[in-house]
């Protein structure tokens, strides 16, 4: 099994939230922690989401690929052993 932290930046949070949420729902069984952060003042359009995932390599790779296919999503991963 694979454990990873995935940090995701949504450049256009207000526009991308629905499709991003669909991806998270699709892969919900492997997402153990989800933390979303955005600026409160002015309700910035940029958002940061931190995911902790646990699943087999194929499941985790599918989630990462789905996230990478979103047009303005930037992500980084960190393996946890």
Protein backbone atom coordinates (compact mmCIF):
# COMPACT_ATOMS: atom_id res chain seq x y z
CA UNK A 1 0.00 0.00 0.00
CA UNK A 2 1.06 3.56 -0.73
CA UNK A 3 0.82 6.54 1.61
CA UNK A 4 1.20 10.02 0.12
CA UNK A 5 0.59 13.64 0.89
CA UNK A 6 -0.70 15.51 -2.16
CA UNK A 7 -0.72 19.30 -2.16
CA UNK A 8 -2.96 20.86 -4.78
CA UNK A 9 -3.25 24.50 -5.81
CA UNK A 10 -6.41 25.50 -7.64
CA UNK A 11 -5.67 28.68 -9.59
CA UNK A 12 -9.36 29.33 -10.32
CA UNK A 13 -11.02 27.89 -7.23
CA UNK A 14 -14.47 29.34 -7.91
CA UNK A 15 -14.62 27.87 -11.42
CA UNK A 16 -12.88 24.55 -10.78
CA UNK A 17 -14.49 23.54 -7.50
CA UNK A 18 -17.30 21.41 -9.02
CA UNK A 19 -15.05 19.29 -11.27
CA UNK A 20 -12.39 19.08 -8.55
CA UNK A 21 -15.02 17.84 -6.08
CA UNK A 22 -16.12 15.17 -8.59
CA UNK A 23 -12.55 13.86 -8.72
CA UNK A 24 -12.31 13.74 -4.92
CA UNK A 25 -15.65 11.95 -4.68
CA UNK A 26 -14.59 9.42 -7.34
CA UNK A 27 -11.45 8.59 -5.33
CA UNK A 28 -12.95 9.14 -1.89
CA UNK A 29 -12.16 5.66 -0.58
CA UNK A 30 -8.41 6.32 -0.63
CA UNK A 31 -8.54 9.90 0.70
CA UNK A 32 -7.99 9.78 4.46
CA UNK A 33 -7.55 13.51 5.17
CA UNK A 34 -8.61 16.56 3.17
CA UNK A 35 -7.76 20.10 4.25
CA UNK A 36 -8.77 23.10 2.18
CA UNK A 37 -7.31 26.56 2.75
CA UNK A 38 -8.08 29.86 1.05
CA UNK A 39 -7.85 33.51 2.02
CA UNK A 40 -10.83 34.68 4.02
CA UNK A 41 -10.37 38.38 3.31
CA UNK A 42 -11.50 39.11 -0.22
CA UNK A 43 -12.32 35.44 -0.85
CA UNK A 44 -9.32 34.82 -3.11
CA UNK A 45 -9.86 32.73 -6.20
CA UNK A 46 -6.75 30.64 -5.48
CA UNK A 47 -7.08 27.68 -3.12
CA UNK A 48 -4.75 25.16 -1.48
CA UNK A 49 -5.94 21.62 -0.74
CA UNK A 50 -3.86 19.09 1.15
CA UNK A 51 -4.76 15.42 0.80
CA UNK A 52 -3.43 12.40 2.66
CA UNK A 53 -4.10 9.25 0.66
CA UNK A 54 -3.69 5.54 1.38
CA UNK A 55 -4.27 2.93 -1.32
CA UNK A 56 -2.58 0.67 -3.82
CA UNK A 57 -0.22 2.25 -6.34
CA UNK A 58 -2.73 2.03 -9.20
CA UNK A 59 -5.48 3.79 -7.23
CA UNK A 60 -3.18 6.58 -6.11
CA UNK A 61 -1.78 7.02 -9.64
CA UNK A 62 -5.33 7.31 -11.05
CA UNK A 63 -6.16 10.07 -8.56
CA UNK A 64 -2.96 11.96 -9.37
CA UNK A 65 -3.56 11.64 -13.12
CA UNK A 66 -7.16 12.84 -12.79
CA UNK A 67 -5.96 15.87 -10.82
CA UNK A 68 -3.21 16.63 -13.35
CA UNK A 69 -5.80 16.63 -16.16
CA UNK A 70 -7.52 19.66 -14.63
CA UNK A 71 -6.38 22.72 -16.63
CA UNK A 72 -5.07 25.04 -13.91
CA UNK A 73 -4.29 22.57 -11.12
CA UNK A 74 -0.74 22.43 -9.79
CA UNK A 75 0.26 19.58 -7.50
CA UNK A 76 3.15 18.08 -5.61
CA UNK A 77 3.40 14.72 -3.89
CA UNK A 78 5.35 13.45 -0.93
CA UNK A 79 5.74 9.76 -0.12
CA UNK A 80 5.16 8.75 3.49
CA UNK A 81 6.84 5.60 4.68
